[in-house]
N, C-alpha and C. Protein backbone atom coordinates (compact mmCIF):
# COMPACT_ATOMS: atom_id res chain seq x y z
N UNK A 1 10.93 -47.36 55.78
CA UNK A 1 11.36 -46.01 55.48
C UNK A 1 10.12 -45.15 55.30
N UNK A 2 10.15 -44.01 55.85
CA UNK A 2 9.02 -43.09 55.73
C UNK A 2 8.81 -42.70 54.27
N UNK A 3 7.56 -42.59 53.87
CA UNK A 3 7.26 -42.18 52.50
C UNK A 3 7.10 -40.67 52.40
N UNK A 4 7.22 -39.97 53.52
CA UNK A 4 7.00 -38.53 53.50
C UNK A 4 8.14 -37.76 52.85
N UNK A 5 9.36 -38.27 52.91
CA UNK A 5 10.49 -37.52 52.37
C UNK A 5 11.35 -38.44 51.50
N UNK A 6 10.92 -38.69 50.29
CA UNK A 6 11.61 -39.59 49.39
C UNK A 6 12.91 -39.02 48.85
N UNK A 7 13.14 -37.73 49.02
CA UNK A 7 14.34 -37.12 48.47
C UNK A 7 15.57 -37.42 49.31
N UNK A 8 15.41 -38.12 50.41
CA UNK A 8 16.55 -38.36 51.27
C UNK A 8 16.92 -39.83 51.27
N UNK A 9 18.20 -40.07 51.44
CA UNK A 9 18.70 -41.40 51.70
C UNK A 9 18.65 -41.61 53.21
N UNK A 10 18.40 -42.81 53.64
CA UNK A 10 18.45 -43.09 55.07
C UNK A 10 19.71 -43.88 55.35
N UNK A 11 20.48 -43.45 56.32
CA UNK A 11 21.70 -44.16 56.66
C UNK A 11 21.39 -45.22 57.70
N UNK A 12 22.35 -46.11 57.89
CA UNK A 12 22.20 -47.13 58.89
C UNK A 12 22.14 -46.53 60.29
N UNK A 13 22.71 -45.34 60.47
CA UNK A 13 22.67 -44.68 61.77
C UNK A 13 21.42 -43.81 61.93
N UNK A 14 20.56 -43.77 60.92
CA UNK A 14 19.35 -42.98 61.01
C UNK A 14 19.53 -41.54 60.59
N UNK A 15 20.73 -41.14 60.19
CA UNK A 15 20.95 -39.78 59.71
C UNK A 15 20.43 -39.70 58.28
N UNK A 16 20.25 -38.49 57.77
CA UNK A 16 19.70 -38.30 56.43
C UNK A 16 20.75 -37.73 55.47
N UNK A 17 20.71 -38.18 54.23
CA UNK A 17 21.53 -37.65 53.15
C UNK A 17 20.63 -37.43 51.95
N UNK A 18 21.00 -36.51 51.09
CA UNK A 18 20.29 -36.30 49.84
C UNK A 18 20.63 -37.43 48.89
N UNK A 19 19.67 -37.86 48.05
CA UNK A 19 19.88 -39.00 47.16
C UNK A 19 21.01 -38.78 46.17
N UNK A 20 21.36 -37.56 45.86
CA UNK A 20 22.45 -37.34 44.92
C UNK A 20 23.81 -37.39 45.60
N UNK A 21 23.85 -37.58 46.92
CA UNK A 21 25.12 -37.78 47.60
C UNK A 21 25.71 -39.13 47.22
N UNK A 22 26.96 -39.31 47.54
CA UNK A 22 27.67 -40.51 47.11
C UNK A 22 27.33 -41.71 47.96
N UNK A 23 26.59 -42.64 47.40
CA UNK A 23 26.19 -43.85 48.13
C UNK A 23 27.39 -44.74 48.42
N UNK A 24 28.47 -44.55 47.71
CA UNK A 24 29.64 -45.39 47.94
C UNK A 24 30.32 -45.07 49.26
N UNK A 25 29.77 -44.14 50.03
CA UNK A 25 30.27 -43.92 51.38
C UNK A 25 30.07 -45.16 52.23
N UNK A 26 29.18 -46.04 51.80
CA UNK A 26 28.96 -47.29 52.49
C UNK A 26 27.95 -47.23 53.61
N UNK A 27 27.25 -46.13 53.77
CA UNK A 27 26.34 -46.00 54.89
C UNK A 27 24.89 -45.73 54.50
N UNK A 28 24.59 -45.51 53.24
CA UNK A 28 23.26 -45.05 52.87
C UNK A 28 22.58 -45.99 51.89
N UNK A 29 21.24 -46.02 51.94
CA UNK A 29 20.47 -46.73 50.93
C UNK A 29 19.29 -45.85 50.54
N UNK A 30 18.69 -46.16 49.38
CA UNK A 30 17.59 -45.36 48.88
C UNK A 30 16.59 -46.27 48.19
N UNK A 31 15.31 -46.05 48.45
CA UNK A 31 14.24 -46.71 47.70
C UNK A 31 13.16 -45.68 47.44
N UNK A 32 12.71 -45.60 46.19
CA UNK A 32 11.77 -44.56 45.79
C UNK A 32 10.31 -44.96 45.93
N UNK A 33 10.03 -46.23 46.21
CA UNK A 33 8.65 -46.69 46.22
C UNK A 33 7.96 -46.55 47.55
N UNK A 34 6.69 -46.94 47.57
CA UNK A 34 5.87 -46.91 48.78
C UNK A 34 6.07 -48.20 49.56
N UNK A 35 6.19 -48.08 50.86
CA UNK A 35 6.31 -49.25 51.74
C UNK A 35 5.34 -49.11 52.91
N UNK A 36 4.08 -48.97 52.59
CA UNK A 36 3.08 -48.77 53.63
C UNK A 36 2.30 -50.03 53.95
N UNK A 37 1.95 -50.82 52.94
CA UNK A 37 1.17 -52.03 53.18
C UNK A 37 2.09 -53.24 53.32
N UNK A 38 1.54 -54.29 53.88
CA UNK A 38 2.31 -55.52 54.02
C UNK A 38 2.71 -56.07 52.65
N UNK A 39 1.83 -55.98 51.66
CA UNK A 39 2.14 -56.46 50.31
C UNK A 39 3.28 -55.66 49.68
N UNK A 40 3.27 -54.33 49.87
CA UNK A 40 4.37 -53.50 49.36
C UNK A 40 5.68 -53.87 50.03
N UNK A 41 5.66 -54.11 51.30
CA UNK A 41 6.87 -54.48 52.04
C UNK A 41 7.37 -55.85 51.61
N UNK A 42 6.47 -56.80 51.40
CA UNK A 42 6.88 -58.13 50.94
C UNK A 42 7.50 -58.06 49.54
N UNK A 43 6.86 -57.31 48.65
CA UNK A 43 7.39 -57.18 47.29
C UNK A 43 8.77 -56.54 47.30
N UNK A 44 8.95 -55.51 48.12
CA UNK A 44 10.25 -54.86 48.25
C UNK A 44 11.29 -55.82 48.79
N UNK A 45 10.97 -56.50 49.87
CA UNK A 45 11.91 -57.45 50.47
C UNK A 45 12.34 -58.51 49.45
N UNK A 46 11.36 -59.10 48.75
CA UNK A 46 11.67 -60.13 47.76
C UNK A 46 12.51 -59.59 46.61
N UNK A 47 12.25 -58.35 46.20
CA UNK A 47 13.04 -57.75 45.12
C UNK A 47 14.48 -57.54 45.54
N UNK A 48 14.70 -57.11 46.78
CA UNK A 48 16.06 -56.88 47.26
C UNK A 48 16.79 -58.20 47.48
N UNK A 49 16.09 -59.20 48.01
CA UNK A 49 16.72 -60.48 48.30
C UNK A 49 16.95 -61.32 47.05
N UNK A 50 16.07 -61.19 46.07
CA UNK A 50 16.15 -62.06 44.90
C UNK A 50 15.56 -61.35 43.68
N UNK A 51 16.29 -60.36 43.12
CA UNK A 51 15.79 -59.66 41.93
C UNK A 51 15.58 -60.65 40.78
N UNK A 52 14.69 -60.29 39.87
CA UNK A 52 14.33 -61.18 38.77
C UNK A 52 15.43 -61.38 37.75
N UNK A 53 16.11 -60.31 37.36
CA UNK A 53 17.02 -60.37 36.20
C UNK A 53 18.31 -59.61 36.50
N UNK A 54 19.39 -60.02 35.83
CA UNK A 54 20.63 -59.26 35.82
C UNK A 54 20.51 -58.20 34.73
N UNK A 55 20.78 -56.96 35.06
CA UNK A 55 20.63 -55.87 34.09
C UNK A 55 21.52 -56.08 32.87
N UNK A 56 22.71 -56.62 33.08
CA UNK A 56 23.65 -56.83 31.95
C UNK A 56 23.10 -57.78 30.88
N UNK A 57 22.08 -58.57 31.24
CA UNK A 57 21.45 -59.47 30.28
C UNK A 57 20.40 -58.77 29.41
N UNK A 58 20.25 -57.45 29.60
CA UNK A 58 19.20 -56.71 28.89
C UNK A 58 19.75 -55.50 28.13
N UNK A 59 20.99 -55.60 27.67
CA UNK A 59 21.60 -54.51 26.92
C UNK A 59 20.80 -54.29 25.64
N UNK A 60 20.52 -53.01 25.35
CA UNK A 60 19.73 -52.54 24.21
C UNK A 60 18.24 -52.82 24.34
N UNK A 61 17.80 -53.28 25.50
CA UNK A 61 16.38 -53.48 25.74
C UNK A 61 15.81 -52.28 26.51
N UNK A 62 14.50 -52.11 26.41
CA UNK A 62 13.82 -50.98 27.05
C UNK A 62 13.13 -51.45 28.32
N UNK A 63 13.25 -50.62 29.37
CA UNK A 63 12.57 -50.85 30.64
C UNK A 63 11.69 -49.64 30.91
N UNK A 64 10.44 -49.89 31.30
CA UNK A 64 9.55 -48.83 31.76
C UNK A 64 9.81 -48.66 33.25
N UNK A 65 10.69 -47.74 33.59
CA UNK A 65 11.20 -47.57 34.94
C UNK A 65 10.18 -46.87 35.84
N UNK A 66 9.87 -47.49 37.00
CA UNK A 66 8.93 -46.87 37.94
C UNK A 66 9.53 -46.62 39.33
N UNK A 67 10.52 -47.43 39.74
CA UNK A 67 11.14 -47.25 41.04
C UNK A 67 12.60 -47.66 40.99
N UNK A 68 13.35 -47.16 41.97
CA UNK A 68 14.79 -47.38 42.04
C UNK A 68 15.17 -47.72 43.47
N UNK A 69 16.07 -48.68 43.61
CA UNK A 69 16.68 -49.00 44.90
C UNK A 69 18.19 -48.91 44.71
N UNK A 70 18.87 -48.33 45.67
CA UNK A 70 20.33 -48.25 45.63
C UNK A 70 20.87 -48.45 47.04
N UNK A 71 21.92 -49.26 47.14
CA UNK A 71 22.54 -49.51 48.44
C UNK A 71 24.01 -49.85 48.21
N UNK A 72 24.86 -49.53 49.17
CA UNK A 72 26.27 -49.88 49.03
C UNK A 72 26.49 -51.36 49.32
N UNK A 73 27.41 -51.97 48.58
CA UNK A 73 27.84 -53.34 48.85
C UNK A 73 29.36 -53.37 48.81
N UNK A 74 29.93 -54.28 49.55
CA UNK A 74 31.38 -54.44 49.56
C UNK A 74 31.74 -55.59 48.64
N UNK A 75 32.66 -55.32 47.71
CA UNK A 75 33.09 -56.29 46.71
C UNK A 75 34.61 -56.42 46.72
N UNK A 76 35.11 -57.52 46.18
CA UNK A 76 36.55 -57.66 45.98
C UNK A 76 36.96 -56.78 44.81
N UNK A 77 38.05 -56.06 44.97
CA UNK A 77 38.58 -55.21 43.91
C UNK A 77 39.06 -56.07 42.75
N UNK A 78 38.73 -55.68 41.53
CA UNK A 78 39.23 -56.39 40.36
C UNK A 78 40.66 -56.00 40.04
N UNK A 79 41.06 -54.81 40.48
CA UNK A 79 42.40 -54.31 40.19
C UNK A 79 43.43 -54.74 41.24
N UNK A 80 42.98 -54.89 42.49
CA UNK A 80 43.90 -55.21 43.58
C UNK A 80 43.39 -56.41 44.36
N UNK A 81 43.95 -57.59 44.11
CA UNK A 81 43.51 -58.79 44.84
C UNK A 81 43.62 -58.60 46.36
N UNK A 82 42.60 -59.08 47.07
CA UNK A 82 42.59 -58.99 48.52
C UNK A 82 42.07 -57.67 49.07
N UNK A 83 41.79 -56.71 48.20
CA UNK A 83 41.30 -55.40 48.63
C UNK A 83 39.79 -55.35 48.39
N UNK A 84 39.06 -54.82 49.38
CA UNK A 84 37.62 -54.65 49.26
C UNK A 84 37.31 -53.23 48.83
N UNK A 85 36.29 -53.07 47.99
CA UNK A 85 35.82 -51.75 47.56
C UNK A 85 34.31 -51.68 47.78
N UNK A 86 33.81 -50.48 47.97
CA UNK A 86 32.38 -50.27 48.11
C UNK A 86 31.83 -49.81 46.77
N UNK A 87 30.76 -50.47 46.34
CA UNK A 87 30.14 -50.14 45.05
C UNK A 87 28.64 -50.01 45.23
N UNK A 88 27.97 -49.28 44.34
CA UNK A 88 26.51 -49.17 44.44
C UNK A 88 25.82 -50.39 43.84
N UNK A 89 24.95 -51.00 44.62
CA UNK A 89 24.07 -52.05 44.11
C UNK A 89 22.76 -51.37 43.75
N UNK A 90 22.32 -51.56 42.52
CA UNK A 90 21.12 -50.89 42.01
C UNK A 90 20.09 -51.96 41.64
N UNK A 91 18.83 -51.69 41.96
CA UNK A 91 17.72 -52.50 41.46
C UNK A 91 16.75 -51.53 40.79
N UNK A 92 16.49 -51.79 39.52
CA UNK A 92 15.51 -51.01 38.77
C UNK A 92 14.20 -51.80 38.75
N UNK A 93 13.11 -51.11 39.02
CA UNK A 93 11.79 -51.74 39.07
C UNK A 93 11.03 -51.34 37.82
N UNK A 94 10.66 -52.34 37.00
CA UNK A 94 9.90 -52.10 35.80
C UNK A 94 8.41 -52.00 36.10
N UNK A 95 7.68 -51.33 35.22
CA UNK A 95 6.24 -51.16 35.38
C UNK A 95 5.51 -52.49 35.39
N UNK A 96 6.07 -53.50 34.73
CA UNK A 96 5.44 -54.82 34.69
C UNK A 96 5.76 -55.66 35.93
N UNK A 97 6.50 -55.10 36.89
CA UNK A 97 6.85 -55.81 38.12
C UNK A 97 8.20 -56.50 38.08
N UNK A 98 8.85 -56.54 36.94
CA UNK A 98 10.17 -57.16 36.83
C UNK A 98 11.22 -56.28 37.49
N UNK A 99 12.15 -56.91 38.20
CA UNK A 99 13.24 -56.18 38.83
C UNK A 99 14.56 -56.58 38.18
N UNK A 100 15.44 -55.58 38.00
CA UNK A 100 16.72 -55.76 37.31
C UNK A 100 17.82 -55.28 38.25
N UNK A 101 18.83 -56.09 38.46
CA UNK A 101 19.88 -55.73 39.41
C UNK A 101 21.25 -55.64 38.75
N UNK A 102 22.10 -54.81 39.35
CA UNK A 102 23.49 -54.70 38.93
C UNK A 102 24.28 -54.02 40.04
N UNK A 103 25.58 -54.17 39.99
CA UNK A 103 26.50 -53.36 40.79
C UNK A 103 27.27 -52.53 39.78
N UNK A 104 26.91 -51.26 39.67
CA UNK A 104 27.43 -50.46 38.57
C UNK A 104 27.46 -48.98 38.92
N UNK A 105 28.65 -48.41 38.87
CA UNK A 105 28.78 -46.97 39.05
C UNK A 105 28.13 -46.24 37.89
N UNK A 106 28.22 -46.80 36.68
CA UNK A 106 27.59 -46.18 35.52
C UNK A 106 26.08 -46.07 35.65
N UNK A 107 25.43 -47.14 36.11
CA UNK A 107 23.98 -47.11 36.32
C UNK A 107 23.64 -46.19 37.47
N UNK A 108 24.45 -46.19 38.51
CA UNK A 108 24.22 -45.27 39.63
C UNK A 108 24.29 -43.82 39.16
N UNK A 109 25.29 -43.50 38.35
CA UNK A 109 25.39 -42.13 37.82
C UNK A 109 24.21 -41.80 36.91
N UNK A 110 23.76 -42.76 36.10
CA UNK A 110 22.57 -42.55 35.27
C UNK A 110 21.35 -42.29 36.14
N UNK A 111 21.21 -43.07 37.21
CA UNK A 111 20.08 -42.90 38.12
C UNK A 111 20.08 -41.50 38.73
N UNK A 112 21.25 -41.04 39.18
CA UNK A 112 21.34 -39.70 39.76
C UNK A 112 20.95 -38.64 38.74
N UNK A 113 21.42 -38.79 37.49
CA UNK A 113 21.11 -37.81 36.45
C UNK A 113 19.62 -37.82 36.10
N UNK A 114 19.02 -39.00 36.06
CA UNK A 114 17.58 -39.09 35.80
C UNK A 114 16.80 -38.36 36.89
N UNK A 115 17.18 -38.58 38.14
CA UNK A 115 16.49 -37.91 39.26
C UNK A 115 16.70 -36.40 39.20
N UNK A 116 17.91 -35.97 38.88
CA UNK A 116 18.17 -34.53 38.79
C UNK A 116 17.38 -33.90 37.65
N UNK A 117 17.17 -34.64 36.57
CA UNK A 117 16.50 -34.10 35.39
C UNK A 117 14.98 -34.22 35.47
N UNK A 118 14.48 -35.38 35.88
CA UNK A 118 13.04 -35.66 35.84
C UNK A 118 12.38 -35.64 37.22
N UNK A 119 13.14 -35.48 38.27
CA UNK A 119 12.59 -35.55 39.62
C UNK A 119 12.62 -36.99 40.11
N UNK A 120 12.09 -37.17 41.31
CA UNK A 120 12.07 -38.49 41.93
C UNK A 120 10.96 -39.35 41.34
N UNK A 121 11.14 -40.67 41.30
CA UNK A 121 10.13 -41.54 40.67
C UNK A 121 8.70 -41.32 41.15
N UNK A 122 8.50 -41.05 42.43
CA UNK A 122 7.14 -40.86 42.92
C UNK A 122 6.50 -39.59 42.37
N UNK A 123 7.30 -38.72 41.74
CA UNK A 123 6.79 -37.48 41.12
C UNK A 123 6.45 -37.67 39.64
N UNK A 124 6.86 -38.79 39.06
CA UNK A 124 6.62 -39.01 37.63
C UNK A 124 5.15 -39.31 37.38
N UNK A 125 4.61 -38.74 36.29
CA UNK A 125 3.23 -39.02 35.91
C UNK A 125 3.08 -40.39 35.27
N UNK A 126 4.16 -40.88 34.69
CA UNK A 126 4.18 -42.17 34.03
C UNK A 126 5.59 -42.73 34.10
N UNK A 127 5.75 -44.03 33.83
CA UNK A 127 7.10 -44.59 33.85
C UNK A 127 8.02 -43.87 32.86
N UNK A 128 9.29 -43.86 33.16
CA UNK A 128 10.27 -43.32 32.22
C UNK A 128 10.87 -44.49 31.46
N UNK A 129 10.81 -44.41 30.15
CA UNK A 129 11.39 -45.46 29.30
C UNK A 129 12.90 -45.26 29.23
N UNK A 130 13.64 -46.30 29.64
CA UNK A 130 15.10 -46.26 29.56
C UNK A 130 15.59 -47.48 28.79
N UNK A 131 16.67 -47.26 28.07
CA UNK A 131 17.30 -48.35 27.34
C UNK A 131 18.64 -48.63 28.00
N UNK A 132 18.90 -49.90 28.29
CA UNK A 132 20.17 -50.30 28.90
C UNK A 132 21.24 -50.29 27.81
N UNK A 133 22.33 -49.59 28.07
CA UNK A 133 23.43 -49.48 27.11
C UNK A 133 24.72 -49.94 27.78
N UNK A 134 25.64 -50.40 26.98
CA UNK A 134 26.98 -50.74 27.46
C UNK A 134 27.98 -49.98 26.62
N UNK A 135 28.87 -49.23 27.29
CA UNK A 135 29.88 -48.45 26.58
C UNK A 135 31.26 -48.90 27.03
N UNK A 136 32.23 -48.70 26.17
CA UNK A 136 33.61 -49.06 26.49
C UNK A 136 34.37 -47.83 26.95
N UNK A 137 35.11 -47.99 28.02
CA UNK A 137 36.03 -46.96 28.52
C UNK A 137 37.36 -47.66 28.76
N UNK A 138 38.25 -47.56 27.79
CA UNK A 138 39.51 -48.29 27.89
C UNK A 138 39.24 -49.78 27.87
N UNK A 139 39.73 -50.48 28.87
CA UNK A 139 39.50 -51.92 28.97
C UNK A 139 38.20 -52.26 29.68
N UNK A 140 37.50 -51.26 30.19
CA UNK A 140 36.29 -51.48 30.98
C UNK A 140 35.03 -51.38 30.13
N UNK A 141 34.05 -52.18 30.49
CA UNK A 141 32.71 -52.11 29.91
C UNK A 141 31.80 -51.52 30.98
N UNK A 142 31.12 -50.43 30.67
CA UNK A 142 30.31 -49.70 31.64
C UNK A 142 28.85 -49.73 31.20
N UNK A 143 27.97 -50.06 32.14
CA UNK A 143 26.54 -50.00 31.87
C UNK A 143 26.07 -48.57 32.10
N UNK A 144 25.10 -48.15 31.31
CA UNK A 144 24.49 -46.84 31.46
C UNK A 144 23.04 -46.93 30.98
N UNK A 145 22.28 -45.88 31.19
CA UNK A 145 20.89 -45.84 30.75
C UNK A 145 20.69 -44.68 29.78
N UNK A 146 19.97 -44.95 28.71
CA UNK A 146 19.57 -43.93 27.76
C UNK A 146 18.07 -43.71 27.94
N UNK A 147 17.65 -42.46 28.14
CA UNK A 147 16.23 -42.15 28.27
C UNK A 147 15.63 -42.05 26.87
N UNK A 148 14.53 -42.74 26.66
CA UNK A 148 13.86 -42.74 25.34
C UNK A 148 12.66 -41.81 25.33
């Protein structure tokens, strides 16, 4: 992905979307980091294929957030057996190199709000400290991020 225009999502068809558009359309992905050197590309590939940690295992912990990856994935619906739904898969990249993954609309919405408020990660002067939170909405448990 070109590093010249980080504000856009790249679709599988090569068309462009703004990162705040709905990734659950199933056609777009976004990565905020640099992918110019072979080492950067290897680290990115390994993070996407095998992230270090599940985000849900870090509730109430702080992450020094430096980069974000988001892509649509198809999952089985929890409400309707046999039905597939598209959900955002998110990988958060910590300043220490640790990657945290989840499939969460709540984290995706937090990511969009962080970008709208603080700009894109490549524009940040320093990592943004976020705390992983879990909130209840009816019978559902939703992950979200609190900026510290």
